């Protein structure tokens, strides 16, 4: 809890800039700023980290996404250190739904981690259409139902983002270490397969959840690279 407070995770946006669906995760208002209920943030964070460990333990591919320039370095560094992929530039449409034609190879991550929202409406929509579970940091101005696993908290300052990335990196590394040592991860609070079934149901109702424009602006080059050759090893 102290780490979350020190990293300013509890600070949301101005009380006039908020999404109604985030209300259950708010503690109240202080100095016209929404304050997150850190008890709930901690519970959602533990749940999300459990999922990350399990995906890593199963040898799944994890894609970190974040296109805010101030966070590019920490996101890239996090992905590289835990041997995963990252996108820190504008997302290229079709990278998941039509990857062979768009990128010249088939790409199918097992989990997409959105460090900040909205990071890319296109990427979010493609995660739905491709039935790929997603995890995201959700600030007080965002809809927590955009992603499969939401972590309610501040996504605007470097302290918060560095803390999230540190915890996510550790979870990936732990999952891979247990896999490498042949250790059983034990019982998890969340069954990923059950959540995927829920996601399929959500994707069938995507018009309700996804109010995205059909026309996209021209997208710059997408940086999607493998961070390490040995997916089961640790650097």
C-alpha atoms as a PDB file:
ATOM      1  CA  UNK A   1       0.000   0.000   0.000  1.00  0.00           C
ATOM      2  CA  UNK A   2       2.814   2.422   0.888  1.00  0.00           C
ATOM      3  CA  UNK A   3       4.489   1.779  -2.452  1.00  0.00           C
ATOM      4  CA  UNK A   4       1.256   2.607  -4.282  1.00  0.00           C
ATOM      5  CA  UNK A   5       0.853   5.867  -2.384  1.00  0.00           C
ATOM      6  CA  UNK A   6       4.510   6.825  -2.910  1.00  0.00           C
ATOM      7  CA  UNK A   7       4.074   6.220  -6.645  1.00  0.00           C
ATOM      8  CA  UNK A   8       0.912   8.387  -6.670  1.00  0.00           C
ATOM      9  CA  UNK A   9      -1.207   5.496  -7.936  1.00  0.00           C
ATOM     10  CA  UNK A  10      -4.135   6.797  -5.871  1.00  0.00           C
ATOM     11  CA  UNK A  11      -4.386  10.097  -7.766  1.00  0.00           C
ATOM     12  CA  UNK A  12      -7.000  10.219 -10.503  1.00  0.00           C
ATOM     13  CA  UNK A  13      -8.067  13.093 -12.723  1.00  0.00           C
ATOM     14  CA  UNK A  14     -10.041  16.215 -11.899  1.00  0.00           C
ATOM     15  CA  UNK A  15     -13.480  15.306 -10.616  1.00  0.00           C
ATOM     16  CA  UNK A  16     -15.089  16.657 -13.808  1.00  0.00           C
ATOM     17  CA  UNK A  17     -13.007  14.315 -15.975  1.00  0.00           C
ATOM     18  CA  UNK A  18     -14.193  10.846 -15.101  1.00  0.00           C
ATOM     19  CA  UNK A  19     -15.948   7.832 -16.561  1.00  0.00           C
ATOM     20  CA  UNK A  20     -19.120   6.618 -14.784  1.00  0.00           C
ATOM     21  CA  UNK A  21     -17.994   2.972 -14.897  1.00  0.00           C
ATOM     22  CA  UNK A  22     -14.894   3.790 -12.834  1.00  0.00           C
ATOM     23  CA  UNK A  23     -16.988   4.949  -9.876  1.00  0.00           C
ATOM     24  CA  UNK A  24     -16.885   1.628  -7.950  1.00  0.00           C
ATOM     25  CA  UNK A  25     -13.091   1.915  -7.788  1.00  0.00           C
ATOM     26  CA  UNK A  26     -12.997   5.436  -6.378  1.00  0.00           C
ATOM     27  CA  UNK A  27     -12.584   6.296  -2.710  1.00  0.00           C
ATOM     28  CA  UNK A  28     -13.676   9.912  -2.969  1.00  0.00           C
ATOM     29  CA  UNK A  29     -12.576  13.418  -3.978  1.00  0.00           C
ATOM     30  CA  UNK A  30      -9.800  15.538  -2.527  1.00  0.00           C
ATOM     31  CA  UNK A  31      -8.870  18.999  -3.778  1.00  0.00           C
ATOM     32  CA  UNK A  32     -11.175  18.422  -6.769  1.00  0.00           C
ATOM     33  CA  UNK A  33      -9.224  15.283  -7.704  1.00  0.00           C
ATOM     34  CA  UNK A  34     -10.657  11.778  -7.706  1.00  0.00           C
ATOM     35  CA  UNK A  35      -8.877   9.427  -5.314  1.00  0.00           C
ATOM     36  CA  UNK A  36      -8.711   5.694  -6.041  1.00  0.00           C
ATOM     37  CA  UNK A  37      -9.639   3.099  -3.438  1.00  0.00           C
ATOM     38  CA  UNK A  38      -6.231   1.443  -3.124  1.00  0.00           C
ATOM     39  CA  UNK A  39      -7.690  -1.644  -1.463  1.00  0.00           C
ATOM     40  CA  UNK A  40      -9.492  -2.369  -4.713  1.00  0.00           C
ATOM     41  CA  UNK A  41      -6.470  -1.379  -6.765  1.00  0.00           C
ATOM     42  CA  UNK A  42      -4.343  -3.862  -4.829  1.00  0.00           C
ATOM     43  CA  UNK A  43      -6.890  -6.648  -5.324  1.00  0.00           C
ATOM     44  CA  UNK A  44      -7.074  -6.019  -9.076  1.00  0.00           C
ATOM     45  CA  UNK A  45      -3.294  -5.725  -9.281  1.00  0.00           C
ATOM     46  CA  UNK A  46      -2.776  -9.093  -7.565  1.00  0.00           C
ATOM     47  CA  UNK A  47      -5.315 -10.688  -9.895  1.00  0.00           C
ATOM     48  CA  UNK A  48      -3.622  -9.229 -12.962  1.00  0.00           C
ATOM     49  CA  UNK A  49      -0.142 -10.292 -11.838  1.00  0.00           C
ATOM     50  CA  UNK A  50      -1.411 -13.823 -11.248  1.00  0.00           C
ATOM     51  CA  UNK A  51      -2.605 -13.916 -14.853  1.00  0.00           C
ATOM     52  CA  UNK A  52       0.737 -12.599 -16.123  1.00  0.00           C
ATOM     53  CA  UNK A  53       2.645 -15.268 -14.174  1.00  0.00           C
ATOM     54  CA  UNK A  54       0.406 -18.005 -15.492  1.00  0.00           C
ATOM     55  CA  UNK A  55       0.695 -16.891 -19.112  1.00  0.00           C
ATOM     56  CA  UNK A  56       4.490 -16.657 -18.784  1.00  0.00           C
ATOM     57  CA  UNK A  57       4.622 -20.070 -17.081  1.00  0.00           C
ATOM     58  CA  UNK A  58       2.685 -21.577 -19.981  1.00  0.00           C
ATOM     59  CA  UNK A  59       5.169 -20.145 -22.475  1.00  0.00           C
ATOM     60  CA  UNK A  60       2.714 -17.590 -23.823  1.00  0.00           C
ATOM     61  CA  UNK A  61       3.658 -14.505 -25.800  1.00  0.00           C
ATOM     62  CA  UNK A  62       3.086 -11.188 -24.025  1.00  0.00           C
ATOM     63  CA  UNK A  63       2.860  -7.878 -25.859  1.00  0.00           C
ATOM     64  CA  UNK A  64       3.451  -4.611 -23.978  1.00  0.00           C
ATOM     65  CA  UNK A  65       1.778  -1.591 -25.597  1.00  0.00           C
ATOM     66  CA  UNK A  66       2.214   2.085 -24.795  1.00  0.00           C
ATOM     67  CA  UNK A  67       2.642   5.032 -27.147  1.00  0.00           C
ATOM     68  CA  UNK A  68       3.192   7.965 -24.821  1.00  0.00           C
ATOM     69  CA  UNK A  69       6.694   9.309 -25.514  1.00  0.00           C
ATOM     70  CA  UNK A  70       7.509   9.879 -21.835  1.00  0.00           C
ATOM     71  CA  UNK A  71       6.960   6.197 -21.052  1.00  0.00           C
ATOM     72  CA  UNK A  72       8.537   4.677 -24.158  1.00  0.00           C
ATOM     73  CA  UNK A  73      11.899   3.957 -22.553  1.00  0.00           C
ATOM     74  CA  UNK A  74      10.553   2.213 -19.445  1.00  0.00           C
ATOM     75  CA  UNK A  75       8.079   0.099 -21.445  1.00  0.00           C
ATOM     76  CA  UNK A  76      10.740  -0.961 -23.934  1.00  0.00           C
ATOM     77  CA  UNK A  77      13.202  -1.715 -21.120  1.00  0.00           C
ATOM     78  CA  UNK A  78      10.578  -3.776 -19.266  1.00  0.00           C
ATOM     79  CA  UNK A  79       9.752  -5.909 -22.293  1.00  0.00           C
ATOM     80  CA  UNK A  80      13.403  -6.503 -23.152  1.00  0.00           C
ATOM     81  CA  UNK A  81      14.348  -7.483 -19.601  1.00  0.00           C
ATOM     82  CA  UNK A  82      11.623 -10.105 -19.377  1.00  0.00           C
ATOM     83  CA  UNK A  83      12.112 -11.407 -22.922  1.00  0.00           C
ATOM     84  CA  UNK A  84       8.852 -10.236 -24.447  1.00  0.00           C
ATOM     85  CA  UNK A  85       7.540  -7.961 -27.194  1.00  0.00           C
ATOM     86  CA  UNK A  86       6.614  -4.298 -27.223  1.00  0.00           C
ATOM     87  CA  UNK A  87       4.950  -1.592 -29.309  1.00  0.00           C
ATOM     88  CA  UNK A  88       5.884   1.952 -28.332  1.00  0.00           C
ATOM     89  CA  UNK A  89       4.970   3.788 -31.517  1.00  0.00           C
ATOM     90  CA  UNK A  90       1.600   4.189 -33.200  1.00  0.00           C
ATOM     91  CA  UNK A  91      -0.113   0.871 -33.708  1.00  0.00           C
ATOM     92  CA  UNK A  92      -0.459  -0.315 -37.311  1.00  0.00           C
ATOM     93  CA  UNK A  93      -3.998  -1.521 -38.143  1.00  0.00           C
ATOM     94  CA  UNK A  94      -4.146  -5.196 -39.099  1.00  0.00           C
ATOM     95  CA  UNK A  95      -1.082  -6.158 -37.057  1.00  0.00           C
ATOM     96  CA  UNK A  96      -3.163  -8.838 -35.322  1.00  0.00           C
ATOM     97  CA  UNK A  97      -6.253  -9.306 -37.476  1.00  0.00           C
ATOM     98  CA  UNK A  98      -4.313  -9.461 -40.747  1.00  0.00           C
ATOM     99  CA  UNK A  99      -0.712  -9.876 -39.634  1.00  0.00           C
ATOM    100  CA  UNK A 100       0.488 -11.972 -42.580  1.00  0.00           C
ATOM    101  CA  UNK A 101      -0.399  -9.287 -45.097  1.00  0.00           C
ATOM    102  CA  UNK A 102       0.432  -6.361 -42.809  1.00  0.00           C
ATOM    103  CA  UNK A 103       3.699  -7.551 -41.267  1.00  0.00           C
ATOM    104  CA  UNK A 104       4.652 -10.533 -43.412  1.00  0.00           C
ATOM    105  CA  UNK A 105       4.288 -13.062 -40.601  1.00  0.00           C
ATOM    106  CA  UNK A 106       1.574 -14.496 -38.392  1.00  0.00           C
ATOM    107  CA  UNK A 107       1.487 -12.855 -34.976  1.00  0.00           C
ATOM    108  CA  UNK A 108      -0.667 -14.059 -32.107  1.00  0.00           C
ATOM    109  CA  UNK A 109       0.149 -12.848 -28.593  1.00  0.00           C
ATOM    110  CA  UNK A 110      -1.437 -14.647 -25.668  1.00  0.00           C
ATOM    111  CA  UNK A 111      -1.791 -11.504 -23.572  1.00  0.00           C
ATOM    112  CA  UNK A 112      -1.770  -7.800 -24.429  1.00  0.00           C
ATOM    113  CA  UNK A 113      -0.715  -5.371 -21.693  1.00  0.00           C
ATOM    114  CA  UNK A 114      -1.817  -1.774 -22.198  1.00  0.00           C
ATOM    115  CA  UNK A 115       0.296   0.379 -19.908  1.00  0.00           C
ATOM    116  CA  UNK A 116      -1.916   3.418 -20.496  1.00  0.00           C
ATOM    117  CA  UNK A 117      -5.409   3.887 -21.899  1.00  0.00           C
ATOM    118  CA  UNK A 118      -6.442   5.019 -24.369  1.00  0.00           C
ATOM    119  CA  UNK A 119      -3.229   3.832 -25.964  1.00  0.00           C
ATOM    120  CA  UNK A 120      -4.666   2.688 -29.274  1.00  0.00           C
ATOM    121  CA  UNK A 121      -8.325   2.191 -30.068  1.00  0.00           C
ATOM    122  CA  UNK A 122      -7.274   0.095 -33.038  1.00  0.00           C
ATOM    123  CA  UNK A 123      -5.190  -2.255 -30.882  1.00  0.00           C
ATOM    124  CA  UNK A 124      -7.998  -2.573 -28.356  1.00  0.00           C
ATOM    125  CA  UNK A 125     -10.492  -3.445 -31.044  1.00  0.00           C
ATOM    126  CA  UNK A 126      -8.154  -5.996 -32.602  1.00  0.00           C
ATOM    127  CA  UNK A 127      -7.662  -7.650 -29.209  1.00  0.00           C
ATOM    128  CA  UNK A 128     -11.435  -8.175 -29.086  1.00  0.00           C
ATOM    129  CA  UNK A 129     -11.727  -9.447 -32.641  1.00  0.00           C
ATOM    130  CA  UNK A 130      -8.727 -11.761 -32.196  1.00  0.00           C
ATOM    131  CA  UNK A 131     -10.045 -13.006 -28.820  1.00  0.00           C
ATOM    132  CA  UNK A 132      -6.816 -12.093 -27.038  1.00  0.00           C
ATOM    133  CA  UNK A 133      -7.085 -11.357 -23.291  1.00  0.00           C
ATOM    134  CA  UNK A 134      -5.965  -7.856 -22.384  1.00  0.00           C
ATOM    135  CA  UNK A 135      -4.688  -6.174 -19.256  1.00  0.00           C
ATOM    136  CA  UNK A 136      -4.591  -2.444 -18.737  1.00  0.00           C
ATOM    137  CA  UNK A 137      -3.985   0.397 -16.315  1.00  0.00           C
ATOM    138  CA  UNK A 138      -7.274   2.310 -16.111  1.00  0.00           C
ATOM    139  CA  UNK A 139      -7.270   5.908 -14.889  1.00  0.00           C
ATOM    140  CA  UNK A 140     -10.377   7.667 -13.608  1.00  0.00           C
ATOM    141  CA  UNK A 141     -11.258   9.049 -17.037  1.00  0.00           C
ATOM    142  CA  UNK A 142     -11.400   5.613 -18.674  1.00  0.00           C
ATOM    143  CA  UNK A 143     -13.859   2.725 -18.973  1.00  0.00           C
ATOM    144  CA  UNK A 144     -12.516  -0.323 -17.054  1.00  0.00           C
ATOM    145  CA  UNK A 145     -14.509  -2.697 -19.298  1.00  0.00           C
ATOM    146  CA  UNK A 146     -12.209  -1.884 -22.236  1.00  0.00           C
ATOM    147  CA  UNK A 147      -9.838  -4.618 -21.087  1.00  0.00           C
ATOM    148  CA  UNK A 148     -10.228  -8.124 -19.695  1.00  0.00           C
ATOM    149  CA  UNK A 149      -8.193  -7.376 -16.570  1.00  0.00           C
ATOM    150  CA  UNK A 150      -8.263  -3.790 -15.347  1.00  0.00           C
ATOM    151  CA  UNK A 151      -5.935  -2.201 -12.794  1.00  0.00           C
ATOM    152  CA  UNK A 152      -7.580   1.016 -11.556  1.00  0.00           C
ATOM    153  CA  UNK A 153      -4.973   3.677 -10.890  1.00  0.00           C
ATOM    154  CA  UNK A 154      -2.991   6.671 -12.089  1.00  0.00           C
ATOM    155  CA  UNK A 155      -1.422   6.231 -15.523  1.00  0.00           C
ATOM    156  CA  UNK A 156      -0.115   9.761 -16.046  1.00  0.00           C
ATOM    157  CA  UNK A 157       3.064  10.036 -13.991  1.00  0.00           C
ATOM    158  CA  UNK A 158       6.339   8.227 -14.403  1.00  0.00           C
ATOM    159  CA  UNK A 159       6.418   6.985 -10.807  1.00  0.00           C
ATOM    160  CA  UNK A 160       3.204   5.023 -11.254  1.00  0.00           C
ATOM    161  CA  UNK A 161       4.187   3.615 -14.628  1.00  0.00           C
ATOM    162  CA  UNK A 162       7.612   2.564 -13.358  1.00  0.00           C
ATOM    163  CA  UNK A 163       5.982   0.730 -10.456  1.00  0.00           C
ATOM    164  CA  UNK A 164       3.502  -1.072 -12.731  1.00  0.00           C
ATOM    165  CA  UNK A 165       6.284  -2.071 -15.103  1.00  0.00           C
ATOM    166  CA  UNK A 166       8.479  -3.282 -12.255  1.00  0.00           C
ATOM    167  CA  UNK A 167       5.715  -5.524 -10.906  1.00  0.00           C
ATOM    168  CA  UNK A 168       4.737  -6.811 -14.342  1.00  0.00           C
ATOM    169  CA  UNK A 169       8.351  -7.602 -15.213  1.00  0.00           C
ATOM    170  CA  UNK A 170       8.782  -9.500 -11.967  1.00  0.00           C
ATOM    171  CA  UNK A 171       5.610 -11.501 -12.619  1.00  0.00           C
ATOM    172  CA  UNK A 172       6.802 -12.511 -16.099  1.00  0.00           C
ATOM    173  CA  UNK A 173      10.221 -13.479 -14.799  1.00  0.00           C
ATOM    174  CA  UNK A 174       8.752 -15.519 -11.958  1.00  0.00           C
ATOM    175  CA  UNK A 175       6.449 -17.402 -14.311  1.00  0.00           C
ATOM    176  CA  UNK A 176       9.325 -18.198 -16.659  1.00  0.00           C
ATOM    177  CA  UNK A 177      11.610 -19.208 -13.807  1.00  0.00           C
ATOM    178  CA  UNK A 178       9.049 -21.655 -12.447  1.00  0.00           C
ATOM    179  CA  UNK A 179       8.592 -23.053 -15.951  1.00  0.00           C
ATOM    180  CA  UNK A 180      12.340 -23.428 -16.430  1.00  0.00           C
ATOM    181  CA  UNK A 181      12.686 -25.224 -13.113  1.00  0.00           C
ATOM    182  CA  UNK A 182       9.695 -27.452 -13.833  1.00  0.00           C
ATOM    183  CA  UNK A 183       7.778 -26.069 -10.884  1.00  0.00           C
ATOM    184  CA  UNK A 184       3.996 -26.087 -10.665  1.00  0.00           C
ATOM    185  CA  UNK A 185       2.502 -22.633 -10.323  1.00  0.00           C
ATOM    186  CA  UNK A 186      -0.218 -23.988  -8.056  1.00  0.00           C
ATOM    187  CA  UNK A 187      -3.769 -22.752  -7.917  1.00  0.00           C
ATOM    188  CA  UNK A 188      -4.430 -19.301  -9.270  1.00  0.00           C
ATOM    189  CA  UNK A 189      -7.207 -16.948  -8.385  1.00  0.00           C
ATOM    190  CA  UNK A 190      -8.080 -16.611 -12.067  1.00  0.00           C
ATOM    191  CA  UNK A 191      -8.531 -19.327 -14.683  1.00  0.00           C
ATOM    192  CA  UNK A 192      -7.265 -17.850 -17.939  1.00  0.00           C
ATOM    193  CA  UNK A 193      -9.303 -20.249 -20.057  1.00  0.00           C
ATOM    194  CA  UNK A 194     -12.499 -19.238 -18.298  1.00  0.00           C
ATOM    195  CA  UNK A 195     -11.654 -15.601 -18.872  1.00  0.00           C
ATOM    196  CA  UNK A 196     -11.052 -16.246 -22.571  1.00  0.00           C
ATOM    197  CA  UNK A 197     -14.541 -17.714 -22.815  1.00  0.00           C
ATOM    198  CA  UNK A 198     -15.890 -14.575 -21.188  1.00  0.00           C
ATOM    199  CA  UNK A 199     -13.912 -12.512 -23.690  1.00  0.00           C
ATOM    200  CA  UNK A 200     -15.476 -14.419 -26.573  1.00  0.00           C
ATOM    201  CA  UNK A 201     -18.880 -13.499 -25.227  1.00  0.00           C
ATOM    202  CA  UNK A 202     -17.774  -9.886 -24.915  1.00  0.00           C
ATOM    203  CA  UNK A 203     -16.474  -9.866 -28.486  1.00  0.00           C
ATOM    204  CA  UNK A 204     -19.892 -10.911 -29.730  1.00  0.00           C
ATOM    205  CA  UNK A 205     -21.240  -7.735 -28.131  1.00  0.00           C
ATOM    206  CA  UNK A 206     -18.353  -5.592 -29.316  1.00  0.00           C
ATOM    207  CA  UNK A 207     -20.613  -2.938 -30.806  1.00  0.00           C
ATOM    208  CA  UNK A 208     -21.762  -2.148 -27.298  1.00  0.00           C
ATOM    209  CA  UNK A 209     -18.275  -1.908 -25.831  1.00  0.00           C
ATOM    210  CA  UNK A 210     -16.386  -0.503 -28.803  1.00  0.00           C
ATOM    211  CA  UNK A 211     -17.443   2.839 -30.156  1.00  0.00           C
ATOM    212  CA  UNK A 212     -14.503   3.357 -32.489  1.00  0.00           C
ATOM    213  CA  UNK A 213     -14.343   5.231 -35.800  1.00  0.00           C
ATOM    214  CA  UNK A 214     -14.130   3.089 -38.912  1.00  0.00           C
ATOM    215  CA  UNK A 215     -11.634   5.389 -40.595  1.00  0.00           C
ATOM    216  CA  UNK A 216      -8.087   5.497 -39.268  1.00  0.00           C
ATOM    217  CA  UNK A 217      -5.429   8.138 -39.680  1.00  0.00           C
ATOM    218  CA  UNK A 218      -2.223   7.176 -41.423  1.00  0.00           C
ATOM    219  CA  UNK A 219      -0.157   5.086 -39.011  1.00  0.00           C
ATOM    220  CA  UNK A 220       3.568   5.451 -38.527  1.00  0.00           C
ATOM    221  CA  UNK A 221       5.915   2.505 -38.438  1.00  0.00           C
ATOM    222  CA  UNK A 222       5.029  -0.007 -35.730  1.00  0.00           C
ATOM    223  CA  UNK A 223       7.826  -1.209 -33.529  1.00  0.00           C
ATOM    224  CA  UNK A 224       7.085  -4.844 -32.819  1.00  0.00           C
ATOM    225  CA  UNK A 225      10.235  -6.775 -32.027  1.00  0.00           C
ATOM    226  CA  UNK A 226      11.283  -9.804 -30.105  1.00  0.00           C
ATOM    227  CA  UNK A 227      13.110  -8.868 -26.954  1.00  0.00           C
ATOM    228  CA  UNK A 228      15.030 -12.118 -26.478  1.00  0.00           C
ATOM    229  CA  UNK A 229      15.645 -15.234 -28.575  1.00  0.00           C
ATOM    230  CA  UNK A 230      15.316 -17.690 -25.745  1.00  0.00           C
ATOM    231  CA  UNK A 231      11.696 -17.237 -24.645  1.00  0.00           C
ATOM    232  CA  UNK A 232      12.149 -19.478 -21.599  1.00  0.00           C
ATOM    233  CA  UNK A 233      15.383 -17.887 -20.409  1.00  0.00           C
ATOM    234  CA  UNK A 234      15.973 -14.898 -18.171  1.00  0.00           C
ATOM    235  CA  UNK A 235      18.469 -12.153 -18.831  1.00  0.00           C
END
